[in-house]
Amino acid sequence: MKKVAIMQPYLFPYIGYWQLLNAADEFVILDDVQYINRGWINRNRILVDGRDHLFTFSVVKAAQTQKINERFFSADFQAEKTKFLKTLRYAYAKAPFFAQGMELIARSLEFSAGNIAVNIGKNLAVIAEYLDISTKTSFASGIDCNKELKAQDYILAINDKLGSDVYINPSGGVELYEKAAFAQHNIELCFLKSDPISYKQFRDSFVANLSIIDVIMFNSCVEIKEMLGRYELI
């Protein structure tokens, strides 16, 4: 039974994204759909002085109609990376897994300004290896199916091409997909609902749903792997 999940490429996504990636047999990076400004493709949140802090890597300006795999990080990427790593050192220097976390994050950003989809794919692969996630990953743009299809129909076409038996989507997409439509293709549609996840940060209060960076800084690989399984399929 083959389980497939499909998501846009996000930079250092939160733990729920990694639960989805880990739950699938094949994870498709949805790189050939329209790039949406102010999403999570080129930015995320970390903990700074006890509060969530938004970091962003700038993107070359382009037509709104361009797809994710047609967009590029700006020429300021190297300077922004240096500033970002400095911010991480300030924010997490006293975190229990700071040293290995910093080495991992720096290594996951070892690319120059370039194609967003390709480089975030590299970023995800480095962190997946660290978390011992062996799921096969591929890019939607490389899958031979009808690229004129939209929304649910395109997701179904990808699943058909990959021989999917089960399609897993985040629970936030319940209103976007119909179980009956997937059943017509002999595919079971499931939604991944994460359990509440918390861990010790610097203070007694907990800031939830931050980037995987925060999780890595405060938790061992063993603890994170346990978190990856804390969900239910509905």
Protein backbone atom coordinates (compact mmCIF):
# COMPACT_ATOMS: atom_id res chain seq x y z
CA MET A 1 0.00 0.00 0.00
CA LYS A 2 1.62 3.24 -1.18
CA LYS A 3 1.05 6.44 0.78
CA VAL A 4 1.67 9.78 -0.93
CA ALA A 5 1.78 13.32 0.46
CA ILE A 6 2.12 16.55 -1.52
CA MET A 7 3.12 19.98 -0.22
CA GLN A 8 4.66 23.19 -1.47
CA PRO A 9 8.35 23.69 -0.57
CA TYR A 10 8.54 25.52 2.76
CA LEU A 11 11.70 26.86 4.36
CA PHE A 12 12.38 25.22 7.75
CA PRO A 13 8.70 24.26 8.19
CA TYR A 14 7.04 23.48 11.51
CA ILE A 15 6.83 19.98 13.02
CA GLY A 16 3.50 19.13 11.33
CA TYR A 17 5.13 19.35 7.90
CA TRP A 18 7.74 16.82 9.00
CA GLN A 19 5.07 14.52 10.41
CA LEU A 20 3.44 14.53 6.98
CA LEU A 21 6.73 13.86 5.21
CA ASN A 22 7.54 11.03 7.60
CA ALA A 23 4.07 9.47 7.28
CA ALA A 24 4.31 9.07 3.50
CA ASP A 25 6.15 6.57 1.32
CA GLU A 26 6.67 9.32 -1.27
CA PHE A 27 6.58 13.04 -0.63
CA VAL A 28 6.04 15.32 -3.62
CA ILE A 29 7.34 18.87 -3.49
CA LEU A 30 4.65 20.89 -5.25
CA ASP A 31 6.92 23.28 -7.12
CA ASP A 32 4.91 23.93 -10.29
CA VAL A 33 2.05 25.97 -8.85
CA GLN A 34 1.81 29.73 -8.45
CA TYR A 35 4.12 31.36 -5.94
CA ILE A 36 2.14 33.10 -3.21
CA ASN A 37 3.62 36.12 -1.48
CA ARG A 38 3.66 36.21 2.32
CA GLY A 39 3.36 32.45 2.58
CA TRP A 40 5.85 30.07 4.18
CA ILE A 41 8.02 29.37 1.15
CA ASN A 42 10.76 31.88 1.98
CA ARG A 43 10.12 32.66 5.65
CA ASN A 44 9.25 31.18 9.03
CA ARG A 45 9.27 31.87 12.76
CA ILE A 46 11.83 31.27 15.50
CA LEU A 47 11.99 32.14 19.20
CA VAL A 48 13.79 35.38 20.10
CA ASP A 49 13.66 36.73 23.66
CA GLY A 50 10.66 34.56 24.47
CA ARG A 51 8.56 35.70 21.51
CA ASP A 52 7.99 34.47 17.97
CA HIS A 53 10.20 36.25 15.47
CA LEU A 54 9.61 36.18 11.72
CA PHE A 55 12.66 35.69 9.47
CA THR A 56 12.56 36.11 5.71
CA PHE A 57 14.90 35.46 2.78
CA SER A 58 14.10 37.91 0.01
CA VAL A 59 13.03 36.80 -3.44
CA VAL A 60 13.67 38.40 -6.82
CA LYS A 61 10.62 40.38 -7.89
CA ALA A 62 8.67 38.76 -10.70
CA ALA A 63 5.20 38.49 -12.19
CA GLN A 64 2.60 37.23 -9.75
CA THR A 65 1.69 34.47 -12.21
CA GLN A 66 5.11 32.82 -12.07
CA LYS A 67 5.36 29.39 -10.49
CA ILE A 68 7.45 28.50 -7.46
CA ASN A 69 10.08 26.77 -9.59
CA GLU A 70 10.42 29.95 -11.67
CA ARG A 71 11.31 32.13 -8.69
CA PHE A 72 14.75 32.84 -7.25
CA PHE A 73 16.28 33.99 -3.99
CA SER A 74 17.68 37.50 -4.37
CA ALA A 75 21.31 38.53 -4.69
CA ASP A 76 21.14 39.50 -1.01
CA PHE A 77 20.91 35.84 0.03
CA GLN A 78 24.47 35.52 1.36
CA ALA A 79 24.19 38.67 3.46
CA GLU A 80 20.77 37.59 4.73
CA LYS A 81 22.11 34.14 5.59
CA THR A 82 24.97 35.64 7.59
CA LYS A 83 22.54 37.87 9.48
CA PHE A 84 20.16 34.98 10.07
CA LEU A 85 22.85 32.71 11.51
CA LYS A 86 23.94 35.55 13.79
CA THR A 87 20.34 35.88 14.98
CA LEU A 88 20.22 32.15 15.69
CA ARG A 89 23.39 32.36 17.78
CA TYR A 90 21.91 35.18 19.80
CA ALA A 91 18.52 33.49 20.20
CA TYR A 92 19.59 29.91 20.95
CA ALA A 93 23.12 30.02 22.38
CA LYS A 94 21.91 28.57 25.68
CA ALA A 95 19.61 25.94 24.16
CA PRO A 96 20.60 22.35 25.06
CA PHE A 97 21.23 21.25 21.46
CA PHE A 98 22.57 24.54 20.13
CA ALA A 99 25.94 23.29 18.81
CA GLN A 100 24.61 20.47 16.67
CA GLY A 101 21.60 22.53 15.69
CA MET A 102 23.74 25.39 14.40
CA GLU A 103 25.94 23.03 12.41
CA LEU A 104 22.86 21.45 10.85
CA ILE A 105 21.14 24.73 9.98
CA ALA A 106 24.32 26.19 8.48
CA ARG A 107 24.82 23.05 6.40
CA SER A 108 21.21 23.10 5.21
CA LEU A 109 21.80 26.62 3.87
CA GLU A 110 24.95 25.81 1.93
CA PHE A 111 23.68 27.10 -1.38
CA SER A 112 24.06 30.40 -3.18
CA ALA A 113 21.21 32.61 -4.30
CA GLY A 114 19.28 30.54 -6.81
CA ASN A 115 16.12 28.66 -7.65
CA ILE A 116 13.81 28.56 -4.64
CA ALA A 117 12.32 25.11 -5.26
CA VAL A 118 15.67 23.41 -5.90
CA ASN A 119 17.36 24.97 -2.89
CA ILE A 120 14.51 24.38 -0.47
CA GLY A 121 14.49 20.79 -1.71
CA LYS A 122 18.16 20.58 -0.64
CA ASN A 123 17.31 22.24 2.68
CA LEU A 124 14.57 19.70 3.38
CA ALA A 125 16.81 16.77 2.43
CA VAL A 126 19.57 17.75 4.89
CA ILE A 127 17.13 18.05 7.78
CA ALA A 128 15.26 14.88 6.82
CA GLU A 129 18.54 12.95 6.97
CA TYR A 130 19.23 14.37 10.43
CA LEU A 131 15.77 13.29 11.61
CA ASP A 132 16.27 9.83 10.07
CA ILE A 133 13.35 10.28 7.67
CA SER A 134 13.82 7.94 4.71
CA THR A 135 10.76 8.96 2.69
CA LYS A 136 11.37 9.24 -1.05
CA THR A 137 10.98 12.81 -2.31
CA SER A 138 10.30 14.09 -5.81
CA PHE A 139 9.25 17.30 -7.54
CA ALA A 140 5.79 17.68 -9.06
CA SER A 141 7.35 19.39 -12.09
CA GLY A 142 9.16 16.15 -12.91
CA ILE A 143 6.04 13.98 -12.85
CA ASP A 144 4.54 13.26 -16.26
CA CYS A 145 0.88 14.17 -15.90
CA ASN A 146 -1.55 16.79 -17.19
CA LYS A 147 -0.13 20.14 -16.07
CA GLU A 148 -3.25 22.01 -17.18
CA LEU A 149 -5.28 20.54 -14.32
CA LYS A 150 -5.88 22.62 -11.22
CA ALA A 151 -6.40 22.11 -7.49
CA GLN A 152 -7.88 18.72 -6.54
CA ASP A 153 -7.79 17.43 -10.12
CA TYR A 154 -4.03 18.04 -10.34
CA ILE A 155 -3.43 16.36 -6.98
CA LEU A 156 -5.45 13.37 -8.19
CA ALA A 157 -3.43 13.21 -11.42
CA ILE A 158 -0.16 13.11 -9.45
CA ASN A 159 -1.50 10.37 -7.21
CA ASP A 160 -2.67 8.34 -10.20
CA LYS A 161 0.73 8.66 -11.87
CA LEU A 162 2.54 7.54 -8.72
CA GLY A 163 0.22 4.58 -8.13
CA SER A 164 -0.99 5.92 -4.82
CA ASP A 165 -3.30 3.89 -2.59
CA VAL A 166 -3.53 6.52 0.15
CA TYR A 167 -3.21 10.28 -0.12
CA ILE A 168 -2.38 12.10 3.12
CA ASN A 169 -3.07 15.81 3.44
CA PRO A 170 -2.80 18.17 6.42
CA SER A 171 -6.08 18.54 8.30
CA GLY A 172 -6.25 22.18 7.23
CA GLY A 173 -7.19 20.97 3.75
CA VAL A 174 -10.40 19.19 4.76
CA GLU A 175 -12.52 21.67 2.80
CA LEU A 176 -10.29 21.48 -0.30
CA TYR A 177 -10.61 17.77 -1.08
CA GLU A 178 -13.48 15.31 -1.36
CA LYS A 179 -13.10 11.71 -0.19
CA ALA A 180 -15.62 10.58 -2.83
CA ALA A 181 -13.52 12.04 -5.66
CA PHE A 182 -10.44 10.16 -4.45
CA ALA A 183 -12.47 6.98 -3.96
CA GLN A 184 -13.41 7.08 -7.64
CA HIS A 185 -9.68 6.72 -8.33
CA ASN A 186 -9.37 3.90 -5.76
CA ILE A 187 -7.41 6.21 -3.47
CA GLU A 188 -8.15 6.62 0.22
CA LEU A 189 -8.03 10.25 1.31
CA CYS A 190 -6.75 10.82 4.85
CA PHE A 191 -6.06 13.98 6.80
CA LEU A 192 -3.19 14.23 9.24
CA LYS A 193 -4.21 15.87 12.50
CA SER A 194 -1.26 16.63 14.77
CA ASP A 195 -1.51 16.08 18.50
CA PRO A 196 -0.69 19.09 20.67
CA ILE A 197 3.11 19.21 20.93
CA SER A 198 5.03 21.17 23.52
CA TYR A 199 8.51 21.01 25.00
CA LYS A 200 10.72 22.99 27.35
CA GLN A 201 11.89 26.28 25.88
CA PHE A 202 13.68 28.94 27.93
CA ARG A 203 10.64 30.07 29.89
CA ASP A 204 7.64 28.39 31.46
CA SER A 205 5.35 29.68 28.69
CA PHE A 206 5.46 27.80 25.38
CA VAL A 207 5.35 29.34 21.91
CA ALA A 208 3.84 26.75 19.56
CA ASN A 209 4.17 26.02 15.84
CA LEU A 210 7.57 27.61 15.35
CA SER A 211 10.03 26.48 12.69
CA ILE A 212 11.64 23.04 13.00
CA ILE A 213 14.74 25.03 13.98
CA ASP A 214 13.22 25.67 17.39
CA VAL A 215 12.38 21.99 17.82
CA ILE A 216 15.93 20.98 16.90
CA MET A 217 17.52 23.45 19.31
CA PHE A 218 15.54 22.19 22.32
CA ASN A 219 15.18 18.45 21.63
CA SER A 220 17.35 15.43 20.87
CA CYS A 221 16.87 13.41 17.69
CA VAL A 222 15.23 10.67 19.75
CA GLU A 223 12.73 13.13 21.20
CA ILE A 224 11.97 14.64 17.79
CA LYS A 225 11.43 11.21 16.23
CA GLU A 226 8.87 10.52 18.96
CA MET A 227 7.12 13.78 18.07
CA LEU A 228 6.95 12.75 14.42
CA GLY A 229 4.55 9.96 15.35
CA ARG A 230 2.22 12.09 17.44
CA TYR A 231 -0.72 12.49 15.10
CA GLU A 232 -3.84 10.72 13.93
CA LEU A 233 -5.16 10.11 10.44
CA ILE A 234 -8.80 11.07 10.02
